[in-house]
PDB file of N, CA and C in Angstrom:
ATOM      1  N   MET A   1     -22.731 -47.417  -6.487  1.00  0.00           N
ATOM      2  CA  MET A   1     -21.362 -47.497  -6.951  1.00  0.00           C
ATOM      3  C   MET A   1     -20.417 -47.057  -5.829  1.00  0.00           C
ATOM      4  N   PHE A   2     -19.415 -47.834  -5.602  1.00  0.00           N
ATOM      5  CA  PHE A   2     -18.412 -47.525  -4.588  1.00  0.00           C
ATOM      6  C   PHE A   2     -17.066 -47.451  -5.300  1.00  0.00           C
ATOM      7  N   GLN A   3     -16.634 -46.231  -5.619  1.00  0.00           N
ATOM      8  CA  GLN A   3     -15.416 -46.015  -6.392  1.00  0.00           C
ATOM      9  C   GLN A   3     -14.204 -45.901  -5.469  1.00  0.00           C
ATOM     10  N   LEU A   4     -13.231 -46.734  -5.739  1.00  0.00           N
ATOM     11  CA  LEU A   4     -11.950 -46.687  -5.034  1.00  0.00           C
ATOM     12  C   LEU A   4     -10.842 -46.538  -6.061  1.00  0.00           C
ATOM     13  N   TYR A   5      -9.642 -46.292  -5.578  1.00  0.00           N
ATOM     14  CA  TYR A   5      -8.461 -46.249  -6.435  1.00  0.00           C
ATOM     15  C   TYR A   5      -7.433 -47.196  -5.843  1.00  0.00           C
ATOM     16  N   VAL A   6      -6.852 -48.016  -6.704  1.00  0.00           N
ATOM     17  CA  VAL A   6      -5.905 -49.022  -6.268  1.00  0.00           C
ATOM     18  C   VAL A   6      -4.511 -48.590  -6.691  1.00  0.00           C
ATOM     19  N   MET A   7      -3.616 -48.564  -5.727  1.00  0.00           N
ATOM     20  CA  MET A   7      -2.218 -48.212  -5.952  1.00  0.00           C
ATOM     21  C   MET A   7      -1.419 -49.508  -5.932  1.00  0.00           C
ATOM     22  N   PHE A   8      -0.999 -49.984  -7.115  1.00  0.00           N
ATOM     23  CA  PHE A   8      -0.178 -51.181  -7.219  1.00  0.00           C
ATOM     24  C   PHE A   8       1.280 -50.752  -7.094  1.00  0.00           C
ATOM     25  N   GLY A   9       1.919 -51.139  -6.002  1.00  0.00           N
ATOM     26  CA  GLY A   9       3.306 -50.745  -5.753  1.00  0.00           C
ATOM     27  C   GLY A   9       4.281 -51.834  -6.155  1.00  0.00           C
ATOM     28  N   ASN A  10       5.290 -51.449  -6.887  1.00  0.00           N
ATOM     29  CA  ASN A  10       6.344 -52.375  -7.293  1.00  0.00           C
ATOM     30  C   ASN A  10       7.688 -51.822  -6.875  1.00  0.00           C
ATOM     31  N   ALA A  11       8.476 -52.664  -6.219  1.00  0.00           N
ATOM     32  CA  ALA A  11       9.819 -52.255  -5.814  1.00  0.00           C
ATOM     33  C   ALA A  11      10.684 -52.093  -7.051  1.00  0.00           C
ATOM     34  N   ASN A  12      11.557 -51.104  -7.032  1.00  0.00           N
ATOM     35  CA  ASN A  12      12.474 -50.956  -8.152  1.00  0.00           C
ATOM     36  C   ASN A  12      13.846 -51.521  -7.787  1.00  0.00           C
ATOM     37  N   GLU A  13      14.803 -51.345  -8.643  1.00  0.00           N
ATOM     38  CA  GLU A  13      16.100 -51.992  -8.477  1.00  0.00           C
ATOM     39  C   GLU A  13      16.858 -51.566  -7.217  1.00  0.00           C
ATOM     40  N   SER A  14      16.509 -50.451  -6.613  1.00  0.00           N
ATOM     41  CA  SER A  14      17.204 -50.024  -5.394  1.00  0.00           C
ATOM     42  C   SER A  14      16.656 -50.701  -4.132  1.00  0.00           C
ATOM     43  N   TRP A  15      15.594 -51.511  -4.279  1.00  0.00           N
ATOM     44  CA  TRP A  15      14.977 -52.161  -3.122  1.00  0.00           C
ATOM     45  C   TRP A  15      15.888 -53.241  -2.534  1.00  0.00           C
ATOM     46  N   ASP A  16      16.160 -53.120  -1.268  1.00  0.00           N
ATOM     47  CA  ASP A  16      16.866 -54.142  -0.492  1.00  0.00           C
ATOM     48  C   ASP A  16      16.342 -54.025   0.926  1.00  0.00           C
ATOM     49  N   VAL A  17      15.398 -54.878   1.284  1.00  0.00           N
ATOM     50  CA  VAL A  17      14.705 -54.772   2.563  1.00  0.00           C
ATOM     51  C   VAL A  17      15.666 -54.834   3.747  1.00  0.00           C
ATOM     52  N   GLU A  18      16.835 -55.422   3.562  1.00  0.00           N
ATOM     53  CA  GLU A  18      17.804 -55.546   4.652  1.00  0.00           C
ATOM     54  C   GLU A  18      18.646 -54.283   4.862  1.00  0.00           C
ATOM     55  N   SER A  19      18.650 -53.385   3.900  1.00  0.00           N
ATOM     56  CA  SER A  19      19.500 -52.199   4.031  1.00  0.00           C
ATOM     57  C   SER A  19      18.934 -51.239   5.076  1.00  0.00           C
ATOM     58  N   PRO A  20      19.804 -50.543   5.808  1.00  0.00           N
ATOM     59  CA  PRO A  20      19.329 -49.569   6.795  1.00  0.00           C
ATOM     60  C   PRO A  20      18.459 -48.477   6.174  1.00  0.00           C
ATOM     61  N   ALA A  21      18.804 -48.056   4.964  1.00  0.00           N
ATOM     62  CA  ALA A  21      18.009 -47.013   4.300  1.00  0.00           C
ATOM     63  C   ALA A  21      16.596 -47.505   4.017  1.00  0.00           C
ATOM     64  N   ALA A  22      16.479 -48.729   3.503  1.00  0.00           N
ATOM     65  CA  ALA A  22      15.153 -49.279   3.223  1.00  0.00           C
ATOM     66  C   ALA A  22      14.366 -49.480   4.507  1.00  0.00           C
ATOM     67  N   GLN A  23      15.010 -49.930   5.558  1.00  0.00           N
ATOM     68  CA  GLN A  23      14.327 -50.132   6.840  1.00  0.00           C
ATOM     69  C   GLN A  23      13.773 -48.814   7.375  1.00  0.00           C
ATOM     70  N   GLN A  24      14.548 -47.733   7.263  1.00  0.00           N
ATOM     71  CA  GLN A  24      14.094 -46.418   7.718  1.00  0.00           C
ATOM     72  C   GLN A  24      12.880 -45.958   6.910  1.00  0.00           C
ATOM     73  N   VAL A  25      12.978 -46.071   5.588  1.00  0.00           N
ATOM     74  CA  VAL A  25      11.883 -45.621   4.729  1.00  0.00           C
ATOM     75  C   VAL A  25      10.665 -46.522   4.895  1.00  0.00           C
ATOM     76  N   LEU A  26      10.883 -47.806   5.116  1.00  0.00           N
ATOM     77  CA  LEU A  26       9.767 -48.717   5.347  1.00  0.00           C
ATOM     78  C   LEU A  26       9.004 -48.329   6.619  1.00  0.00           C
ATOM     79  N   ALA A  27       9.725 -47.932   7.661  1.00  0.00           N
ATOM     80  CA  ALA A  27       9.067 -47.468   8.892  1.00  0.00           C
ATOM     81  C   ALA A  27       8.254 -46.203   8.613  1.00  0.00           C
ATOM     82  N   GLU A  28       8.788 -45.303   7.800  1.00  0.00           N
ATOM     83  CA  GLU A  28       8.054 -44.087   7.430  1.00  0.00           C
ATOM     84  C   GLU A  28       6.825 -44.433   6.585  1.00  0.00           C
ATOM     85  N   HIS A  29       6.958 -45.421   5.712  1.00  0.00           N
ATOM     86  CA  HIS A  29       5.841 -45.893   4.884  1.00  0.00           C
ATOM     87  C   HIS A  29       4.706 -46.403   5.780  1.00  0.00           C
ATOM     88  N   VAL A  30       5.047 -47.222   6.774  1.00  0.00           N
ATOM     89  CA  VAL A  30       4.024 -47.760   7.688  1.00  0.00           C
ATOM     90  C   VAL A  30       3.343 -46.621   8.440  1.00  0.00           C
ATOM     91  N   SER A  31       4.096 -45.648   8.866  1.00  0.00           N
ATOM     92  CA  SER A  31       3.521 -44.484   9.543  1.00  0.00           C
ATOM     93  C   SER A  31       2.581 -43.719   8.602  1.00  0.00           C
ATOM     94  N   TYR A  32       2.988 -43.568   7.352  1.00  0.00           N
ATOM     95  CA  TYR A  32       2.149 -42.906   6.348  1.00  0.00           C
ATOM     96  C   TYR A  32       0.835 -43.663   6.162  1.00  0.00           C
ATOM     97  N   LEU A  33       0.922 -44.998   6.074  1.00  0.00           N
ATOM     98  CA  LEU A  33      -0.291 -45.795   5.912  1.00  0.00           C
ATOM     99  C   LEU A  33      -1.209 -45.659   7.119  1.00  0.00           C
ATOM    100  N   ARG A  34      -0.639 -45.604   8.301  1.00  0.00           N
ATOM    101  CA  ARG A  34      -1.460 -45.420   9.510  1.00  0.00           C
ATOM    102  C   ARG A  34      -2.174 -44.073   9.488  1.00  0.00           C
ATOM    103  N   THR A  35      -1.507 -43.056   8.967  1.00  0.00           N
ATOM    104  CA  THR A  35      -2.140 -41.743   8.832  1.00  0.00           C
ATOM    105  C   THR A  35      -3.283 -41.799   7.825  1.00  0.00           C
ATOM    106  N   LEU A  36      -3.053 -42.470   6.690  1.00  0.00           N
ATOM    107  CA  LEU A  36      -4.122 -42.621   5.690  1.00  0.00           C
ATOM    108  C   LEU A  36      -5.310 -43.367   6.274  1.00  0.00           C
ATOM    109  N   GLU A  37      -5.035 -44.390   7.060  1.00  0.00           N
ATOM    110  CA  GLU A  37      -6.111 -45.153   7.686  1.00  0.00           C
ATOM    111  C   GLU A  37      -6.854 -44.294   8.707  1.00  0.00           C
ATOM    112  N   ARG A  38      -6.116 -43.605   9.549  1.00  0.00           N
ATOM    113  CA  ARG A  38      -6.729 -42.752  10.576  1.00  0.00           C
ATOM    114  C   ARG A  38      -7.604 -41.671   9.954  1.00  0.00           C
ATOM    115  N   ASP A  39      -7.166 -41.123   8.814  1.00  0.00           N
ATOM    116  CA  ASP A  39      -7.897 -40.048   8.160  1.00  0.00           C
ATOM    117  C   ASP A  39      -9.015 -40.543   7.247  1.00  0.00           C
ATOM    118  N   GLY A  40      -9.246 -41.865   7.207  1.00  0.00           N
ATOM    119  CA  GLY A  40     -10.320 -42.420   6.410  1.00  0.00           C
ATOM    120  C   GLY A  40     -10.034 -42.456   4.919  1.00  0.00           C
ATOM    121  N   ILE A  41      -8.780 -42.331   4.530  1.00  0.00           N
ATOM    122  CA  ILE A  41      -8.402 -42.344   3.112  1.00  0.00           C
ATOM    123  C   ILE A  41      -8.136 -43.767   2.641  1.00  0.00           C
ATOM    124  N   MET A  42      -7.397 -44.533   3.437  1.00  0.00           N
ATOM    125  CA  MET A  42      -7.080 -45.899   3.036  1.00  0.00           C
ATOM    126  C   MET A  42      -8.254 -46.823   3.351  1.00  0.00           C
ATOM    127  N   PHE A  43      -8.662 -47.598   2.361  1.00  0.00           N
ATOM    128  CA  PHE A  43      -9.705 -48.597   2.540  1.00  0.00           C
ATOM    129  C   PHE A  43      -9.081 -49.901   3.029  1.00  0.00           C
ATOM    130  N   MET A  44      -8.053 -50.371   2.308  1.00  0.00           N
ATOM    131  CA  MET A  44      -7.320 -51.579   2.666  1.00  0.00           C
ATOM    132  C   MET A  44      -5.954 -51.524   2.002  1.00  0.00           C
ATOM    133  N   GLY A  45      -5.043 -52.307   2.506  1.00  0.00           N
ATOM    134  CA  GLY A  45      -3.737 -52.377   1.868  1.00  0.00           C
ATOM    135  C   GLY A  45      -2.920 -53.511   2.437  1.00  0.00           C
ATOM    136  N   GLY A  46      -1.864 -53.874   1.729  1.00  0.00           N
ATOM    137  CA  GLY A  46      -0.979 -54.910   2.223  1.00  0.00           C
ATOM    138  C   GLY A  46       0.005 -55.355   1.160  1.00  0.00           C
ATOM    139  N   PRO A  47       0.996 -56.127   1.594  1.00  0.00           N
ATOM    140  CA  PRO A  47       2.034 -56.585   0.667  1.00  0.00           C
ATOM    141  C   PRO A  47       1.572 -57.806  -0.126  1.00  0.00           C
ATOM    142  N   PHE A  48       2.189 -57.995  -1.280  1.00  0.00           N
ATOM    143  CA  PHE A  48       2.036 -59.237  -2.033  1.00  0.00           C
ATOM    144  C   PHE A  48       3.121 -60.181  -1.540  1.00  0.00           C
ATOM    145  N   ARG A  49       2.742 -61.372  -1.157  1.00  0.00           N
ATOM    146  CA  ARG A  49       3.692 -62.360  -0.640  1.00  0.00           C
ATOM    147  C   ARG A  49       3.729 -63.577  -1.558  1.00  0.00           C
ATOM    148  N   ALA A  50       4.905 -64.167  -1.703  1.00  0.00           N
ATOM    149  CA  ALA A  50       5.063 -65.411  -2.448  1.00  0.00           C
ATOM    150  C   ALA A  50       4.541 -66.560  -1.592  1.00  0.00           C
ATOM    151  N   SER A  51       4.428 -67.748  -2.188  1.00  0.00           N
ATOM    152  CA  SER A  51       3.910 -68.904  -1.449  1.00  0.00           C
ATOM    153  C   SER A  51       4.803 -69.270  -0.260  1.00  0.00           C
ATOM    154  N   ASP A  52       6.077 -68.929  -0.321  1.00  0.00           N
ATOM    155  CA  ASP A  52       6.981 -69.183   0.804  1.00  0.00           C
ATOM    156  C   ASP A  52       7.034 -67.992   1.770  1.00  0.00           C
ATOM    157  N   TYR A  53       6.121 -67.039   1.584  1.00  0.00           N
ATOM    158  CA  TYR A  53       5.975 -65.833   2.388  1.00  0.00           C
ATOM    159  C   TYR A  53       7.103 -64.831   2.163  1.00  0.00           C
ATOM    160  N   ASP A  54       7.909 -65.060   1.135  1.00  0.00           N
ATOM    161  CA  ASP A  54       8.954 -64.109   0.770  1.00  0.00           C
ATOM    162  C   ASP A  54       8.300 -62.837   0.238  1.00  0.00           C
ATOM    163  N   TRP A  55       8.954 -61.704   0.448  1.00  0.00           N
ATOM    164  CA  TRP A  55       8.411 -60.418   0.019  1.00  0.00           C
ATOM    165  C   TRP A  55       9.421 -59.703  -0.844  1.00  0.00           C
ATOM    166  N   ASN A  56       8.997 -59.273  -2.022  1.00  0.00           N
ATOM    167  CA  ASN A  56       9.891 -58.568  -2.932  1.00  0.00           C
ATOM    168  C   ASN A  56       9.680 -57.061  -2.933  1.00  0.00           C
ATOM    169  N   GLY A  57       8.940 -56.541  -1.953  1.00  0.00           N
ATOM    170  CA  GLY A  57       8.709 -55.105  -1.848  1.00  0.00           C
ATOM    171  C   GLY A  57       7.443 -54.618  -2.532  1.00  0.00           C
ATOM    172  N   SER A  58       6.697 -55.519  -3.154  1.00  0.00           N
ATOM    173  CA  SER A  58       5.482 -55.102  -3.854  1.00  0.00           C
ATOM    174  C   SER A  58       4.286 -55.113  -2.907  1.00  0.00           C
ATOM    175  N   GLY A  59       3.250 -54.367  -3.272  1.00  0.00           N
ATOM    176  CA  GLY A  59       2.052 -54.319  -2.455  1.00  0.00           C
ATOM    177  C   GLY A  59       0.931 -53.571  -3.141  1.00  0.00           C
ATOM    178  N   MET A  60      -0.200 -53.505  -2.476  1.00  0.00           N
ATOM    179  CA  MET A  60      -1.377 -52.854  -3.023  1.00  0.00           C
ATOM    180  C   MET A  60      -2.059 -52.053  -1.911  1.00  0.00           C
ATOM    181  N   ILE A  61      -2.467 -50.848  -2.247  1.00  0.00           N
ATOM    182  CA  ILE A  61      -3.172 -49.991  -1.301  1.00  0.00           C
ATOM    183  C   ILE A  61      -4.425 -49.470  -2.003  1.00  0.00           C
ATOM    184  N   MET A  62      -5.583 -49.643  -1.382  1.00  0.00           N
ATOM    185  CA  MET A  62      -6.839 -49.116  -1.917  1.00  0.00           C
ATOM    186  C   MET A  62      -7.171 -47.842  -1.147  1.00  0.00           C
ATOM    187  N   VAL A  63      -7.456 -46.777  -1.891  1.00  0.00           N
ATOM    188  CA  VAL A  63      -7.741 -45.499  -1.245  1.00  0.00           C
ATOM    189  C   VAL A  63      -9.046 -44.901  -1.755  1.00  0.00           C
ATOM    190  N   ARG A  64      -9.609 -44.057  -0.920  1.00  0.00           N
ATOM    191  CA  ARG A  64     -10.754 -43.237  -1.295  1.00  0.00           C
ATOM    192  C   ARG A  64     -10.179 -41.900  -1.755  1.00  0.00           C
ATOM    193  N   ALA A  65     -10.589 -41.453  -2.931  1.00  0.00           N
ATOM    194  CA  ALA A  65     -10.111 -40.178  -3.460  1.00  0.00           C
ATOM    195  C   ALA A  65     -11.189 -39.595  -4.365  1.00  0.00           C
ATOM    196  N   ARG A  66     -11.109 -38.285  -4.594  1.00  0.00           N
ATOM    197  CA  ARG A  66     -12.080 -37.620  -5.474  1.00  0.00           C
ATOM    198  C   ARG A  66     -11.958 -38.118  -6.908  1.00  0.00           C
ATOM    199  N   ASP A  67     -10.710 -38.342  -7.348  1.00  0.00           N
ATOM    200  CA  ASP A  67     -10.454 -38.760  -8.720  1.00  0.00           C
ATOM    201  C   ASP A  67      -9.060 -39.378  -8.791  1.00  0.00           C
ATOM    202  N   ILE A  68      -8.689 -39.820  -9.973  1.00  0.00           N
ATOM    203  CA  ILE A  68      -7.407 -40.495 -10.131  1.00  0.00           C
ATOM    204  C   ILE A  68      -6.230 -39.553  -9.913  1.00  0.00           C
ATOM    205  N   VAL A  69      -6.420 -38.279 -10.174  1.00  0.00           N
ATOM    206  CA  VAL A  69      -5.351 -37.295  -9.947  1.00  0.00           C
ATOM    207  C   VAL A  69      -5.015 -37.234  -8.458  1.00  0.00           C
ATOM    208  N   GLU A  70      -6.050 -37.170  -7.620  1.00  0.00           N
ATOM    209  CA  GLU A  70      -5.823 -37.157  -6.179  1.00  0.00           C
ATOM    210  C   GLU A  70      -5.206 -38.478  -5.708  1.00  0.00           C
ATOM    211  N   ALA A  71      -5.669 -39.593  -6.273  1.00  0.00           N
ATOM    212  CA  ALA A  71      -5.119 -40.899  -5.895  1.00  0.00           C
ATOM    213  C   ALA A  71      -3.631 -40.980  -6.252  1.00  0.00           C
ATOM    214  N   ARG A  72      -3.250 -40.465  -7.417  1.00  0.00           N
ATOM    215  CA  ARG A  72      -1.829 -40.456  -7.794  1.00  0.00           C
ATOM    216  C   ARG A  72      -1.017 -39.576  -6.843  1.00  0.00           C
ATOM    217  N   ALA A  73      -1.590 -38.476  -6.411  1.00  0.00           N
ATOM    218  CA  ALA A  73      -0.894 -37.603  -5.468  1.00  0.00           C
ATOM    219  C   ALA A  73      -0.673 -38.317  -4.138  1.00  0.00           C
ATOM    220  N   ILE A  74      -1.641 -39.116  -3.704  1.00  0.00           N
ATOM    221  CA  ILE A  74      -1.485 -39.905  -2.474  1.00  0.00           C
ATOM    222  C   ILE A  74      -0.333 -40.884  -2.641  1.00  0.00           C
ATOM    223  N   ALA A  75      -0.273 -41.554  -3.788  1.00  0.00           N
ATOM    224  CA  ALA A  75       0.819 -42.503  -4.057  1.00  0.00           C
ATOM    225  C   ALA A  75       2.169 -41.791  -4.060  1.00  0.00           C
ATOM    226  N   GLU A  76       2.216 -40.618  -4.626  1.00  0.00           N
ATOM    227  CA  GLU A  76       3.480 -39.893  -4.757  1.00  0.00           C
ATOM    228  C   GLU A  76       3.961 -39.276  -3.449  1.00  0.00           C
ATOM    229  N   ARG A  77       3.128 -39.282  -2.424  1.00  0.00           N
ATOM    230  CA  ARG A  77       3.558 -38.825  -1.090  1.00  0.00           C
ATOM    231  C   ARG A  77       4.060 -39.971  -0.221  1.00  0.00           C
ATOM    232  N   ASP A  78       3.920 -41.200  -0.704  1.00  0.00           N
ATOM    233  CA  ASP A  78       4.382 -42.366   0.056  1.00  0.00           C
ATOM    234  C   ASP A  78       5.902 -42.310   0.185  1.00  0.00           C
ATOM    235  N   PRO A  79       6.437 -42.448   1.390  1.00  0.00           N
ATOM    236  CA  PRO A  79       7.893 -42.428   1.569  1.00  0.00           C
ATOM    237  C   PRO A  79       8.646 -43.460   0.727  1.00  0.00           C
ATOM    238  N   LEU A  80       8.045 -44.618   0.452  1.00  0.00           N
ATOM    239  CA  LEU A  80       8.721 -45.586  -0.417  1.00  0.00           C
ATOM    240  C   LEU A  80       8.884 -45.025  -1.826  1.00  0.00           C
ATOM    241  N   TYR A  81       7.892 -44.285  -2.293  1.00  0.00           N
ATOM    242  CA  TYR A  81       7.973 -43.629  -3.599  1.00  0.00           C
ATOM    243  C   TYR A  81       8.989 -42.482  -3.551  1.00  0.00           C
ATOM    244  N   LEU A  82       8.854 -41.637  -2.543  1.00  0.00           N
ATOM    245  CA  LEU A  82       9.756 -40.483  -2.417  1.00  0.00           C
ATOM    246  C   LEU A  82      11.212 -40.902  -2.234  1.00  0.00           C
ATOM    247  N   GLY A  83      11.426 -42.039  -1.566  1.00  0.00           N
ATOM    248  CA  GLY A  83      12.779 -42.529  -1.330  1.00  0.00           C
ATOM    249  C   GLY A  83      13.375 -43.283  -2.500  1.00  0.00           C
ATOM    250  N   GLY A  84      12.599 -43.444  -3.565  1.00  0.00           N
ATOM    251  CA  GLY A  84      13.102 -44.124  -4.745  1.00  0.00           C
ATOM    252  C   GLY A  84      13.094 -45.636  -4.656  1.00  0.00           C
ATOM    253  N   PHE A  85      12.328 -46.194  -3.713  1.00  0.00           N
ATOM    254  CA  PHE A  85      12.278 -47.642  -3.549  1.00  0.00           C
ATOM    255  C   PHE A  85      11.105 -48.295  -4.271  1.00  0.00           C
ATOM    256  N   ARG A  86      10.078 -47.506  -4.620  1.00  0.00           N
ATOM    257  CA  ARG A  86       8.858 -48.084  -5.176  1.00  0.00           C
ATOM    258  C   ARG A  86       8.284 -47.175  -6.240  1.00  0.00           C
ATOM    259  N   THR A  87       7.684 -47.798  -7.243  1.00  0.00           N
ATOM    260  CA  THR A  87       6.869 -47.081  -8.221  1.00  0.00           C
ATOM    261  C   THR A  87       5.420 -47.520  -7.998  1.00  0.00           C
ATOM    262  N   TYR A  88       4.494 -46.720  -8.486  1.00  0.00           N
ATOM    263  CA  TYR A  88       3.077 -47.053  -8.354  1.00  0.00           C
ATOM    264  C   TYR A  88       2.377 -46.969  -9.698  1.00  0.00           C
ATOM    265  N   GLU A  89       1.489 -47.925  -9.933  1.00  0.00           N
ATOM    266  CA  GLU A  89       0.506 -47.836 -10.998  1.00  0.00           C
ATOM    267  C   GLU A  89      -0.819 -47.612 -10.279  1.00  0.00           C
ATOM    268  N   VAL A  90      -1.511 -46.542 -10.614  1.00  0.00           N
ATOM    269  CA  VAL A  90      -2.768 -46.204  -9.943  1.00  0.00           C
ATOM    270  C   VAL A  90      -3.910 -46.406 -10.932  1.00  0.00           C
ATOM    271  N   ARG A  91      -4.901 -47.175 -10.505  1.00  0.00           N
ATOM    272  CA  ARG A  91      -6.052 -47.464 -11.353  1.00  0.00           C
ATOM    273  C   ARG A  91      -7.332 -47.309 -10.554  1.00  0.00           C
ATOM    274  N   GLY A  92      -8.391 -46.870 -11.218  1.00  0.00           N
ATOM    275  CA  GLY A  92      -9.710 -46.810 -10.593  1.00  0.00           C
ATOM    276  C   GLY A  92     -10.296 -48.203 -10.477  1.00  0.00           C
ATOM    277  N   TRP A  93     -11.030 -48.420  -9.403  1.00  0.00           N
ATOM    278  CA  TRP A  93     -11.672 -49.719  -9.184  1.00  0.00           C
ATOM    279  C   TRP A  93     -13.047 -49.490  -8.589  1.00  0.00           C
ATOM    280  N   GLN A  94     -14.051 -50.024  -9.243  1.00  0.00           N
ATOM    281  CA  GLN A  94     -15.419 -49.912  -8.772  1.00  0.00           C
ATOM    282  C   GLN A  94     -15.791 -51.188  -8.049  1.00  0.00           C
ATOM    283  N   LEU A  95     -16.052 -51.076  -6.753  1.00  0.00           N
ATOM    284  CA  LEU A  95     -16.416 -52.222  -5.927  1.00  0.00           C
ATOM    285  C   LEU A  95     -17.905 -52.498  -6.116  1.00  0.00           C
ATOM    286  N   ASN A  96     -18.227 -53.672  -6.661  1.00  0.00           N
ATOM    287  CA  ASN A  96     -19.619 -54.028  -6.950  1.00  0.00           C
ATOM    288  C   ASN A  96     -20.109 -55.238  -6.179  1.00  0.00           C
ATOM    289  N   GLU A  97     -19.262 -56.249  -5.997  1.00  0.00           N
ATOM    290  CA  GLU A  97     -19.711 -57.513  -5.439  1.00  0.00           C
ATOM    291  C   GLU A  97     -18.868 -57.914  -4.241  1.00  0.00           C
ATOM    292  N   GLY A  98     -19.418 -58.844  -3.475  1.00  0.00           N
ATOM    293  CA  GLY A  98     -18.692 -59.428  -2.361  1.00  0.00           C
ATOM    294  C   GLY A  98     -19.318 -59.087  -1.024  1.00  0.00           C
ATOM    295  N   ALA A  99     -18.746 -59.646   0.001  1.00  0.00           N
ATOM    296  CA  ALA A  99     -19.216 -59.408   1.361  1.00  0.00           C
ATOM    297  C   ALA A  99     -18.023 -59.482   2.301  1.00  0.00           C
ATOM    298  N   LEU A 100     -18.091 -58.746   3.359  1.00  0.00           N
ATOM    299  CA  LEU A 100     -17.043 -58.742   4.365  1.00  0.00           C
ATOM    300  C   LEU A 100     -17.730 -58.766   5.727  1.00  0.00           C
ATOM    301  N   SER A 101     -17.348 -59.721   6.550  1.00  0.00           N
ATOM    302  CA  SER A 101     -17.866 -59.769   7.911  1.00  0.00           C
ATOM    303  C   SER A 101     -16.706 -60.062   8.852  1.00  0.00           C
ATOM    304  N   PHE A 102     -16.889 -59.713  10.095  1.00  0.00           N
ATOM    305  CA  PHE A 102     -15.828 -59.947  11.064  1.00  0.00           C
ATOM    306  C   PHE A 102     -16.422 -60.242  12.427  1.00  0.00           C
ATOM    307  N   THR A 103     -15.593 -60.892  13.251  1.00  0.00           N
ATOM    308  CA  THR A 103     -15.959 -61.172  14.628  1.00  0.00           C
ATOM    309  C   THR A 103     -14.929 -60.486  15.511  1.00  0.00           C
ATOM    310  N   LEU A 104     -15.397 -59.682  16.424  1.00  0.00           N
ATOM    311  CA  LEU A 104     -14.532 -58.972  17.358  1.00  0.00           C
ATOM    312  C   LEU A 104     -14.514 -59.738  18.673  1.00  0.00           C
ATOM    313  N   HIS A 105     -13.346 -60.271  19.038  1.00  0.00           N
ATOM    314  CA  HIS A 105     -13.172 -61.006  20.292  1.00  0.00           C
ATOM    315  C   HIS A 105     -12.571 -60.026  21.310  1.00  0.00           C
ATOM    316  N   LEU A 106     -13.403 -59.427  22.115  1.00  0.00           N
ATOM    317  CA  LEU A 106     -12.963 -58.378  23.026  1.00  0.00           C
ATOM    318  C   LEU A 106     -11.944 -58.875  24.044  1.00  0.00           C
ATOM    319  N   ASP A 107     -12.212 -59.998  24.672  1.00  0.00           N
ATOM    320  CA  ASP A 107     -11.319 -60.495  25.706  1.00  0.00           C
ATOM    321  C   ASP A 107      -9.965 -60.915  25.139  1.00  0.00           C
ATOM    322  N   ALA A 108      -9.959 -61.445  23.921  1.00  0.00           N
ATOM    323  CA  ALA A 108      -8.719 -61.911  23.299  1.00  0.00           C
ATOM    324  C   ALA A 108      -8.015 -60.806  22.515  1.00  0.00           C
ATOM    325  N   ASN A 109      -8.670 -59.641  22.397  1.00  0.00           N
ATOM    326  CA  ASN A 109      -8.099 -58.517  21.638  1.00  0.00           C
ATOM    327  C   ASN A 109      -7.747 -58.979  20.222  1.00  0.00           C
ATOM    328  N   ARG A 110      -8.741 -59.612  19.562  1.00  0.00           N
ATOM    329  CA  ARG A 110      -8.517 -60.194  18.236  1.00  0.00           C
ATOM    330  C   ARG A 110      -9.745 -59.975  17.371  1.00  0.00           C
ATOM    331  N   ILE A 111      -9.484 -59.788  16.071  1.00  0.00           N
ATOM    332  CA  ILE A 111     -10.566 -59.683  15.092  1.00  0.00           C
ATOM    333  C   ILE A 111     -10.353 -60.769  14.058  1.00  0.00           C
ATOM    334  N   ASP A 112     -11.397 -61.553  13.801  1.00  0.00           N
ATOM    335  CA  ASP A 112     -11.370 -62.560  12.748  1.00  0.00           C
ATOM    336  C   ASP A 112     -12.177 -62.019  11.574  1.00  0.00           C
ATOM    337  N   ILE A 113     -11.590 -62.031  10.388  1.00  0.00           N
ATOM    338  CA  ILE A 113     -12.284 -61.595   9.187  1.00  0.00           C
ATOM    339  C   ILE A 113     -12.718 -62.823   8.412  1.00  0.00           C
ATOM    340  N   HIS A 114     -13.983 -62.819   7.983  1.00  0.00           N
ATOM    341  CA  HIS A 114     -14.563 -63.972   7.279  1.00  0.00           C
ATOM    342  C   HIS A 114     -14.904 -63.580   5.859  1.00  0.00           C
TER     343      HIS A 114
END
């Protein structure tokens, strides 16, 4: 059993990606995610995009945590949450099936995920 916690982020009514305040908090959010990744907490994450690649501020982050209480605390430390731009629904997710492989192209400085 591989237990993860999924943080479903939804932008609230104050979200405006073009505003200077949102841009500042978004930069802090990206820095926070990099810290989670560096510390081995974040498994995967990313935004939800429309078919035209438009973004409404929503996204999903999968984290490793002891329990749902810790996972909620991780969500509540996100600058987008603290800044009032995003809410989170946190749910447990047990990873059972699937496969992930990748090719590392050293000379091209590129990774292809299959």
